[in-house]
Amino acid sequence: MSDAHHRRKQPAIVRQQLLDVAARLTNEQGMGAVTLDAVSGASGVSKGGLLHHFPTKNALLDALFEDLLARFDADLDQRMREDPMPHGRFTRAYLNAVAGLRDSPDDAGHWAQVTIALLAEPRLRQRWAEWVEGRAEEYVGTDSSVDAQIVRFAADGLWLADMIGGASDDAQRQALLSRLVELTAR
């Protein structure tokens, strides 16, 4: 009898392991490197095991996007819990989370690859649009001002600038972030 029949099945752990490997491959080699064979080989999970969790490459990429989005949501929620001022809380959390990606190379690399995929994949663009719309509706009373929208759009621009290496020096960046935070109070 093979070891597979004797070892304990842990599907949630295996699924997360597969997502972690796909994220690492994405970060190191780009989205094109994420193939079912590559993820299976790098994770030590049989291709059949991989296909059990993700029947197609698109399913794997969708799950990778959802996992990254869930971690981003958790980061935003934590930042909002730590912010005592309700007005603009979501926008400040969004701004600070996006600005913080520059200091977290692994997360920044994952988001860079996902951003590229967002441009190429209509289903991911649709999912991102749904997330943005859902969050905007959730915080309509505190973060629906034009200033809050400006700050979130500026955060997106900062995200892009950081991704392509066009960021300003630290003092200029800090001044920009401070000014954007001021706008969230309006």
Protein backbone atom coordinates (compact mmCIF):
# COMPACT_ATOMS: atom_id res chain seq x y z
CA MET A 1 0.00 0.00 0.00
CA SER A 2 1.32 3.47 -0.83
CA ASP A 3 2.11 6.16 1.72
CA ALA A 4 -0.90 8.11 0.41
CA HIS A 5 -3.19 5.58 2.04
CA HIS A 6 -1.43 5.92 5.38
CA ARG A 7 -0.92 9.63 5.66
CA ARG A 8 -3.55 11.90 7.10
CA LYS A 9 -5.40 14.01 4.55
CA GLN A 10 -5.25 17.74 5.20
CA PRO A 11 -6.97 19.37 2.22
CA ALA A 12 -6.95 22.92 3.57
CA ILE A 13 -3.21 22.76 4.21
CA VAL A 14 -2.52 21.24 0.79
CA ARG A 15 -4.68 23.86 -0.91
CA GLN A 16 -2.86 26.69 0.87
CA GLN A 17 0.50 25.09 0.04
CA LEU A 18 -0.46 25.04 -3.64
CA LEU A 19 -1.51 28.71 -3.50
CA ASP A 20 1.73 29.64 -1.73
CA VAL A 21 3.79 27.89 -4.40
CA ALA A 22 1.79 29.55 -7.19
CA ALA A 23 2.31 32.93 -5.51
CA ARG A 24 6.05 32.29 -5.18
CA LEU A 25 6.33 31.26 -8.84
CA THR A 26 4.36 34.33 -9.84
CA ASN A 27 6.61 36.58 -7.81
CA GLU A 28 9.86 35.00 -8.98
CA GLN A 29 9.12 34.27 -12.63
CA GLY A 30 5.88 36.00 -13.58
CA MET A 31 2.34 34.80 -14.18
CA GLY A 32 3.42 32.81 -17.24
CA ALA A 33 5.47 30.50 -15.02
CA VAL A 34 2.36 29.36 -13.20
CA THR A 35 1.46 26.13 -14.93
CA LEU A 36 -0.21 23.15 -13.36
CA ASP A 37 2.94 21.09 -13.92
CA ALA A 38 5.19 23.75 -12.38
CA VAL A 39 3.01 24.17 -9.30
CA SER A 40 2.66 20.43 -8.88
CA GLY A 41 6.40 19.87 -9.19
CA ALA A 42 7.43 22.76 -6.92
CA SER A 43 4.90 21.85 -4.24
CA GLY A 44 5.52 18.12 -4.14
CA VAL A 45 1.79 17.54 -4.65
CA SER A 46 0.80 15.14 -7.40
CA LYS A 47 -0.85 16.62 -10.44
CA GLY A 48 -3.98 14.66 -9.51
CA GLY A 49 -3.90 16.25 -6.06
CA LEU A 50 -3.51 19.67 -7.61
CA LEU A 51 -6.37 19.02 -10.02
CA HIS A 52 -8.54 17.96 -7.09
CA HIS A 53 -8.21 21.48 -5.67
CA PHE A 54 -7.87 23.45 -8.92
CA PRO A 55 -9.24 21.69 -12.01
CA THR A 56 -7.79 24.31 -14.39
CA LYS A 57 -5.04 26.90 -14.48
CA ASN A 58 -7.73 29.61 -14.46
CA ALA A 59 -9.20 28.10 -11.29
CA LEU A 60 -5.76 28.22 -9.69
CA LEU A 61 -5.18 31.83 -10.78
CA ASP A 62 -8.65 32.84 -9.60
CA ALA A 63 -7.99 31.23 -6.22
CA LEU A 64 -4.60 32.93 -6.03
CA PHE A 65 -6.30 36.28 -6.67
CA GLU A 66 -9.00 35.54 -4.08
CA ASP A 67 -6.36 34.54 -1.52
CA LEU A 68 -4.40 37.73 -2.11
CA LEU A 69 -7.59 39.79 -1.93
CA ALA A 70 -8.57 38.08 1.34
CA ARG A 71 -5.18 38.94 2.84
CA PHE A 72 -5.55 42.53 1.63
CA ASP A 73 -9.03 42.67 3.19
CA ALA A 74 -7.65 41.35 6.48
CA ASP A 75 -4.92 44.01 6.42
CA LEU A 76 -7.51 46.72 5.75
CA ASP A 77 -9.78 45.45 8.53
CA GLN A 78 -6.87 45.44 11.00
CA ARG A 79 -5.89 48.98 10.04
CA MET A 80 -9.50 50.15 10.40
CA ARG A 81 -9.78 48.60 13.88
CA GLU A 82 -6.70 50.57 14.91
CA ASP A 83 -8.03 53.88 13.53
CA PRO A 84 -10.17 55.75 16.11
CA MET A 85 -11.69 58.23 13.62
CA PRO A 86 -14.64 56.74 11.69
CA HIS A 87 -14.80 59.38 8.94
CA GLY A 88 -12.44 58.29 6.14
CA ARG A 89 -11.29 55.19 8.02
CA PHE A 90 -11.56 52.83 5.07
CA THR A 91 -9.80 55.26 2.73
CA ARG A 92 -6.92 55.77 5.18
CA ALA A 93 -6.60 52.02 5.60
CA TYR A 94 -6.56 51.56 1.82
CA LEU A 95 -3.98 54.31 1.35
CA ASN A 96 -1.70 53.00 4.09
CA ALA A 97 -2.02 49.38 2.98
CA VAL A 98 -1.13 50.28 -0.60
CA ALA A 99 1.72 52.57 0.50
CA GLY A 100 3.00 49.81 2.78
CA LEU A 101 3.39 47.39 -0.11
CA ARG A 102 6.65 49.12 -1.07
CA ASP A 103 8.14 47.96 2.23
CA SER A 104 6.91 44.39 1.80
CA PRO A 105 8.66 42.99 -1.29
CA ASP A 106 6.84 39.64 -1.29
CA ASP A 107 3.38 41.22 -1.14
CA ALA A 108 4.40 43.92 -3.60
CA GLY A 109 5.65 41.28 -6.02
CA HIS A 110 2.43 39.31 -5.77
CA TRP A 111 0.33 42.42 -6.31
CA ALA A 112 2.53 43.49 -9.24
CA GLN A 113 1.86 40.19 -10.99
CA VAL A 114 -1.84 40.33 -10.14
CA THR A 115 -2.03 43.89 -11.46
CA ILE A 116 -0.59 42.70 -14.76
CA ALA A 117 -3.11 39.84 -14.77
CA LEU A 118 -5.92 42.30 -14.00
CA LEU A 119 -5.09 44.17 -17.18
CA ALA A 120 -5.15 41.00 -19.26
CA GLU A 121 -7.96 38.98 -17.67
CA PRO A 122 -11.53 40.32 -17.88
CA ARG A 123 -12.77 37.96 -15.13
CA LEU A 124 -10.15 39.28 -12.69
CA ARG A 125 -10.97 42.89 -13.63
CA GLN A 126 -14.63 42.09 -12.98
CA ARG A 127 -13.80 40.54 -9.59
CA TRP A 128 -11.69 43.58 -8.63
CA ALA A 129 -14.49 45.93 -9.72
CA GLU A 130 -16.95 43.94 -7.58
CA TRP A 131 -14.61 44.17 -4.59
CA VAL A 132 -14.17 47.94 -5.02
CA GLU A 133 -17.92 48.43 -5.43
CA GLY A 134 -18.73 46.28 -2.41
CA ARG A 135 -16.27 48.10 -0.19
CA ALA A 136 -17.51 51.48 -1.45
CA GLU A 137 -21.09 50.51 -0.60
CA GLU A 138 -20.02 49.22 2.81
CA TYR A 139 -18.47 52.57 3.73
CA VAL A 140 -20.83 54.90 1.88
CA GLY A 141 -21.52 56.96 5.02
CA THR A 142 -17.89 57.55 5.93
CA ASP A 143 -15.88 57.27 2.73
CA SER A 144 -18.10 58.39 -0.14
CA SER A 145 -16.87 61.98 -0.50
CA VAL A 146 -15.08 63.16 -3.61
CA ASP A 147 -11.97 63.71 -1.48
CA ALA A 148 -12.05 60.08 -0.34
CA GLN A 149 -12.32 58.94 -3.95
CA ILE A 150 -9.41 61.19 -4.91
CA VAL A 151 -7.31 59.63 -2.15
CA ARG A 152 -8.14 56.08 -3.26
CA PHE A 153 -7.36 56.94 -6.89
CA ALA A 154 -4.10 58.56 -5.76
CA ALA A 155 -3.30 55.40 -3.78
CA ASP A 156 -3.84 53.39 -6.96
CA GLY A 157 -1.45 55.74 -8.77
CA LEU A 158 1.09 55.35 -5.98
CA TRP A 159 0.69 51.57 -6.28
CA LEU A 160 1.45 51.78 -9.99
CA ALA A 161 4.40 54.15 -9.46
CA ASP A 162 5.87 51.83 -6.84
CA MET A 163 5.35 48.85 -9.12
CA ILE A 164 7.24 50.39 -12.05
CA GLY A 165 9.87 52.07 -9.92
CA GLY A 166 8.76 55.66 -10.42
CA ALA A 167 8.37 56.57 -6.76
CA SER A 168 9.65 59.81 -5.29
CA ASP A 169 12.23 60.18 -2.54
CA ASP A 170 11.21 59.31 1.03
CA ALA A 171 10.61 62.90 2.20
CA GLN A 172 8.49 63.73 -0.82
CA ARG A 173 6.59 60.47 -0.46
CA GLN A 174 5.89 61.13 3.22
CA ALA A 175 4.64 64.64 2.41
CA LEU A 176 2.36 63.18 -0.26
CA LEU A 177 0.97 60.57 2.14
CA SER A 178 0.41 63.17 4.86
CA ARG A 179 -1.50 65.40 2.46
CA LEU A 180 -3.63 62.50 1.28
CA VAL A 181 -4.42 61.53 4.88
CA GLU A 182 -5.56 65.12 5.50
CA LEU A 183 -8.02 64.78 2.62
CA THR A 184 -9.65 61.77 4.29
CA ALA A 185 -10.84 63.96 7.16
CA ARG A 186 -13.00 66.12 4.88
